[in-house]
Amino acid sequence: MGLFGKPKQKDAEVEQLRFLLDRFEYNDIEKLCKDVIGKIPQSNERPERIQLLEYIWKHYRNQELNLQQVKDFAIKEEIVTPDFFD
């Protein structure tokens, strides 16, 4: 079991998602928010990269976004190749 009783598998998934999101450029992160989550965080100015990432992680923690959705998006947008996950 991981920290606070979460299974190790979930820990591995979090690390995989973190590793995958490191491959995203700003525009990719913004497009992920728009296309998969459906919106970007509200702000008077263009959100910073860290704000977008925090928004993504919030949706992930709330189970409104999952690793498979991000993987599918990354492959579709050619951010990574399918063999990236092997």
N, C-alpha and C. Protein backbone atom coordinates (compact mmCIF):
# COMPACT_ATOMS: atom_id res chain seq x y z
N MET A 1 0.84 -1.18 0.00
CA MET A 1 0.00 0.00 0.00
C MET A 1 0.88 1.24 0.00
N GLY A 2 0.43 2.28 -0.65
CA GLY A 2 1.16 3.53 -0.70
C GLY A 2 0.79 4.43 0.46
N LEU A 3 1.21 5.63 0.36
CA LEU A 3 0.94 6.63 1.37
C LEU A 3 -0.57 6.80 1.56
N PHE A 4 -1.00 6.86 2.81
CA PHE A 4 -2.41 7.03 3.16
C PHE A 4 -3.31 5.93 2.60
N GLY A 5 -2.77 4.74 2.46
CA GLY A 5 -3.57 3.59 2.08
C GLY A 5 -3.88 3.48 0.60
N LYS A 6 -3.32 4.33 -0.24
CA LYS A 6 -3.56 4.23 -1.67
C LYS A 6 -2.72 3.08 -2.23
N PRO A 7 -3.26 2.31 -3.14
CA PRO A 7 -2.51 1.19 -3.70
C PRO A 7 -1.29 1.66 -4.50
N LYS A 8 -0.27 0.82 -4.54
CA LYS A 8 0.96 1.12 -5.29
C LYS A 8 0.67 1.34 -6.77
N GLN A 9 -0.31 0.61 -7.31
CA GLN A 9 -0.66 0.77 -8.72
C GLN A 9 -1.03 2.22 -9.01
N LYS A 10 -1.76 2.84 -8.12
CA LYS A 10 -2.16 4.24 -8.30
C LYS A 10 -0.92 5.13 -8.28
N ASP A 11 0.04 4.82 -7.40
CA ASP A 11 1.29 5.58 -7.35
C ASP A 11 2.03 5.49 -8.68
N ALA A 12 2.06 4.30 -9.26
CA ALA A 12 2.73 4.11 -10.55
C ALA A 12 2.00 4.89 -11.64
N GLU A 13 0.68 4.93 -11.57
CA GLU A 13 -0.10 5.66 -12.56
C GLU A 13 0.18 7.16 -12.46
N VAL A 14 0.28 7.67 -11.25
CA VAL A 14 0.59 9.09 -11.05
C VAL A 14 1.96 9.41 -11.65
N GLU A 15 2.93 8.55 -11.41
CA GLU A 15 4.27 8.77 -11.97
C GLU A 15 4.24 8.72 -13.49
N GLN A 16 3.47 7.80 -14.05
CA GLN A 16 3.37 7.70 -15.51
C GLN A 16 2.73 8.95 -16.09
N LEU A 17 1.69 9.45 -15.42
CA LEU A 17 1.03 10.66 -15.89
C LEU A 17 1.98 11.86 -15.79
N ARG A 18 2.70 11.97 -14.70
CA ARG A 18 3.67 13.05 -14.53
C ARG A 18 4.73 13.01 -15.63
N PHE A 19 5.25 11.81 -15.90
CA PHE A 19 6.26 11.63 -16.95
C PHE A 19 5.71 12.01 -18.31
N LEU A 20 4.47 11.62 -18.57
CA LEU A 20 3.82 11.94 -19.85
C LEU A 20 3.59 13.45 -19.99
N LEU A 21 3.08 14.09 -18.95
CA LEU A 21 2.81 15.53 -19.03
C LEU A 21 4.08 16.35 -19.19
N ASP A 22 5.21 15.82 -18.77
CA ASP A 22 6.49 16.50 -18.99
C ASP A 22 6.80 16.64 -20.47
N ARG A 23 6.21 15.80 -21.30
CA ARG A 23 6.45 15.83 -22.75
C ARG A 23 5.60 16.88 -23.46
N PHE A 24 4.61 17.42 -22.77
CA PHE A 24 3.67 18.36 -23.37
C PHE A 24 4.27 19.77 -23.39
N GLU A 25 4.09 20.44 -24.52
CA GLU A 25 4.39 21.87 -24.63
C GLU A 25 3.18 22.64 -24.11
N TYR A 26 3.34 23.94 -23.92
CA TYR A 26 2.24 24.76 -23.39
C TYR A 26 0.97 24.60 -24.23
N ASN A 27 1.10 24.70 -25.55
CA ASN A 27 -0.08 24.60 -26.42
C ASN A 27 -0.76 23.24 -26.30
N ASP A 28 0.04 22.18 -26.09
CA ASP A 28 -0.53 20.85 -25.92
C ASP A 28 -1.35 20.77 -24.64
N ILE A 29 -0.82 21.36 -23.57
CA ILE A 29 -1.52 21.34 -22.29
C ILE A 29 -2.83 22.11 -22.39
N GLU A 30 -2.76 23.26 -23.04
CA GLU A 30 -3.96 24.08 -23.22
C GLU A 30 -5.02 23.33 -24.04
N LYS A 31 -4.57 22.67 -25.11
CA LYS A 31 -5.49 21.90 -25.97
C LYS A 31 -6.06 20.70 -25.21
N LEU A 32 -5.27 20.05 -24.37
CA LEU A 32 -5.78 18.96 -23.55
C LEU A 32 -6.91 19.45 -22.66
N CYS A 33 -6.71 20.60 -22.03
CA CYS A 33 -7.76 21.17 -21.18
C CYS A 33 -9.03 21.43 -21.98
N LYS A 34 -8.88 22.05 -23.13
CA LYS A 34 -10.04 22.40 -23.95
C LYS A 34 -10.74 21.16 -24.52
N ASP A 35 -9.95 20.24 -25.09
CA ASP A 35 -10.53 19.11 -25.82
C ASP A 35 -11.00 17.98 -24.91
N VAL A 36 -10.27 17.70 -23.84
CA VAL A 36 -10.61 16.55 -23.01
C VAL A 36 -11.41 16.96 -21.78
N ILE A 37 -10.97 17.99 -21.09
CA ILE A 37 -11.70 18.45 -19.90
C ILE A 37 -12.89 19.31 -20.32
N GLY A 38 -12.73 20.04 -21.39
CA GLY A 38 -13.84 20.84 -21.91
C GLY A 38 -13.71 22.32 -21.69
N LYS A 39 -12.70 22.74 -20.93
CA LYS A 39 -12.49 24.17 -20.69
C LYS A 39 -11.10 24.37 -20.08
N ILE A 40 -10.70 25.63 -20.06
CA ILE A 40 -9.44 25.98 -19.40
C ILE A 40 -9.78 26.79 -18.14
N PRO A 41 -8.86 26.88 -17.20
CA PRO A 41 -9.16 27.65 -15.99
C PRO A 41 -9.47 29.10 -16.34
N GLN A 42 -10.44 29.66 -15.64
CA GLN A 42 -10.83 31.05 -15.88
C GLN A 42 -9.78 31.99 -15.30
N SER A 43 -9.40 32.97 -16.09
CA SER A 43 -8.40 33.95 -15.68
C SER A 43 -8.55 35.18 -16.56
N ASN A 44 -8.17 36.32 -16.03
CA ASN A 44 -8.20 37.54 -16.83
C ASN A 44 -7.07 37.56 -17.85
N GLU A 45 -6.02 36.80 -17.56
CA GLU A 45 -4.87 36.73 -18.45
C GLU A 45 -4.69 35.29 -18.90
N ARG A 46 -3.79 35.11 -19.85
CA ARG A 46 -3.46 33.76 -20.30
C ARG A 46 -2.88 32.98 -19.12
N PRO A 47 -3.47 31.80 -18.79
CA PRO A 47 -2.95 31.04 -17.65
C PRO A 47 -1.51 30.57 -17.90
N GLU A 48 -0.75 30.52 -16.84
CA GLU A 48 0.61 30.01 -16.94
C GLU A 48 0.58 28.49 -17.01
N ARG A 49 1.68 27.92 -17.46
CA ARG A 49 1.79 26.47 -17.58
C ARG A 49 1.44 25.78 -16.26
N ILE A 50 1.98 26.27 -15.17
CA ILE A 50 1.75 25.64 -13.87
C ILE A 50 0.28 25.67 -13.49
N GLN A 51 -0.42 26.74 -13.85
CA GLN A 51 -1.86 26.82 -13.57
C GLN A 51 -2.63 25.76 -14.36
N LEU A 52 -2.24 25.57 -15.61
CA LEU A 52 -2.91 24.56 -16.43
C LEU A 52 -2.63 23.16 -15.88
N LEU A 53 -1.38 22.92 -15.48
CA LEU A 53 -1.04 21.61 -14.92
C LEU A 53 -1.79 21.35 -13.61
N GLU A 54 -1.88 22.35 -12.77
CA GLU A 54 -2.65 22.20 -11.52
C GLU A 54 -4.11 21.91 -11.82
N TYR A 55 -4.64 22.53 -12.85
CA TYR A 55 -6.02 22.30 -13.28
C TYR A 55 -6.21 20.85 -13.74
N ILE A 56 -5.26 20.36 -14.51
CA ILE A 56 -5.30 18.97 -14.98
C ILE A 56 -5.25 18.01 -13.79
N TRP A 57 -4.31 18.25 -12.86
CA TRP A 57 -4.18 17.38 -11.69
C TRP A 57 -5.43 17.42 -10.83
N LYS A 58 -6.07 18.56 -10.72
CA LYS A 58 -7.32 18.67 -9.94
C LYS A 58 -8.38 17.76 -10.55
N HIS A 59 -8.50 17.79 -11.86
CA HIS A 59 -9.48 16.95 -12.54
C HIS A 59 -9.11 15.48 -12.44
N TYR A 60 -7.83 15.19 -12.44
CA TYR A 60 -7.38 13.80 -12.28
C TYR A 60 -7.74 13.30 -10.87
N ARG A 61 -7.42 14.08 -9.85
CA ARG A 61 -7.72 13.69 -8.46
C ARG A 61 -9.22 13.52 -8.23
N ASN A 62 -10.02 14.33 -8.91
CA ASN A 62 -11.48 14.25 -8.79
C ASN A 62 -12.09 13.17 -9.69
N GLN A 63 -11.22 12.42 -10.35
CA GLN A 63 -11.61 11.34 -11.26
C GLN A 63 -12.47 11.83 -12.42
N GLU A 64 -12.23 13.06 -12.84
CA GLU A 64 -12.91 13.62 -14.00
C GLU A 64 -12.03 13.50 -15.25
N LEU A 65 -10.81 13.01 -15.04
CA LEU A 65 -9.83 12.81 -16.10
C LEU A 65 -9.01 11.60 -15.69
N ASN A 66 -8.69 10.73 -16.65
CA ASN A 66 -7.87 9.58 -16.29
C ASN A 66 -6.66 9.46 -17.21
N LEU A 67 -5.75 8.61 -16.80
CA LEU A 67 -4.49 8.43 -17.54
C LEU A 67 -4.75 8.02 -18.97
N GLN A 68 -5.69 7.12 -19.20
CA GLN A 68 -5.95 6.65 -20.55
C GLN A 68 -6.39 7.79 -21.47
N GLN A 69 -7.18 8.72 -20.97
CA GLN A 69 -7.61 9.86 -21.77
C GLN A 69 -6.40 10.71 -22.18
N VAL A 70 -5.48 10.91 -21.26
CA VAL A 70 -4.28 11.70 -21.57
C VAL A 70 -3.39 10.95 -22.55
N LYS A 71 -3.26 9.63 -22.37
CA LYS A 71 -2.48 8.82 -23.31
C LYS A 71 -3.06 8.92 -24.72
N ASP A 72 -4.38 8.72 -24.82
CA ASP A 72 -5.05 8.78 -26.13
C ASP A 72 -4.84 10.14 -26.79
N PHE A 73 -4.98 11.19 -26.01
CA PHE A 73 -4.77 12.55 -26.52
C PHE A 73 -3.34 12.72 -27.01
N ALA A 74 -2.37 12.26 -26.22
CA ALA A 74 -0.95 12.42 -26.57
C ALA A 74 -0.61 11.69 -27.86
N ILE A 75 -1.18 10.52 -28.06
CA ILE A 75 -0.93 9.77 -29.29
C ILE A 75 -1.62 10.45 -30.47
N LYS A 76 -2.88 10.83 -30.29
CA LYS A 76 -3.64 11.49 -31.37
C LYS A 76 -2.97 12.78 -31.83
N GLU A 77 -2.45 13.55 -30.87
CA GLU A 77 -1.82 14.83 -31.20
C GLU A 77 -0.33 14.68 -31.56
N GLU A 78 0.14 13.42 -31.59
CA GLU A 78 1.52 13.09 -31.95
C GLU A 78 2.54 13.74 -31.01
N ILE A 79 2.18 13.83 -29.74
CA ILE A 79 3.10 14.31 -28.72
C ILE A 79 4.08 13.19 -28.39
N VAL A 80 3.56 11.97 -28.34
CA VAL A 80 4.37 10.77 -28.18
C VAL A 80 3.88 9.72 -29.15
N THR A 81 4.69 8.71 -29.38
CA THR A 81 4.29 7.58 -30.24
C THR A 81 3.69 6.49 -29.35
N PRO A 82 2.92 5.58 -29.95
CA PRO A 82 2.33 4.51 -29.15
C PRO A 82 3.37 3.67 -28.39
N ASP A 83 4.57 3.51 -28.94
CA ASP A 83 5.58 2.70 -28.25
C ASP A 83 6.19 3.42 -27.05
N PHE A 84 5.85 4.67 -26.83
CA PHE A 84 6.29 5.42 -25.65
C PHE A 84 5.84 4.72 -24.37
N PHE A 85 4.72 4.01 -24.44
CA PHE A 85 4.13 3.39 -23.26
C PHE A 85 4.59 1.96 -23.02
N ASP A 86 5.44 1.44 -23.88
CA ASP A 86 5.95 0.07 -23.71
C ASP A 86 7.03 -0.01 -22.66
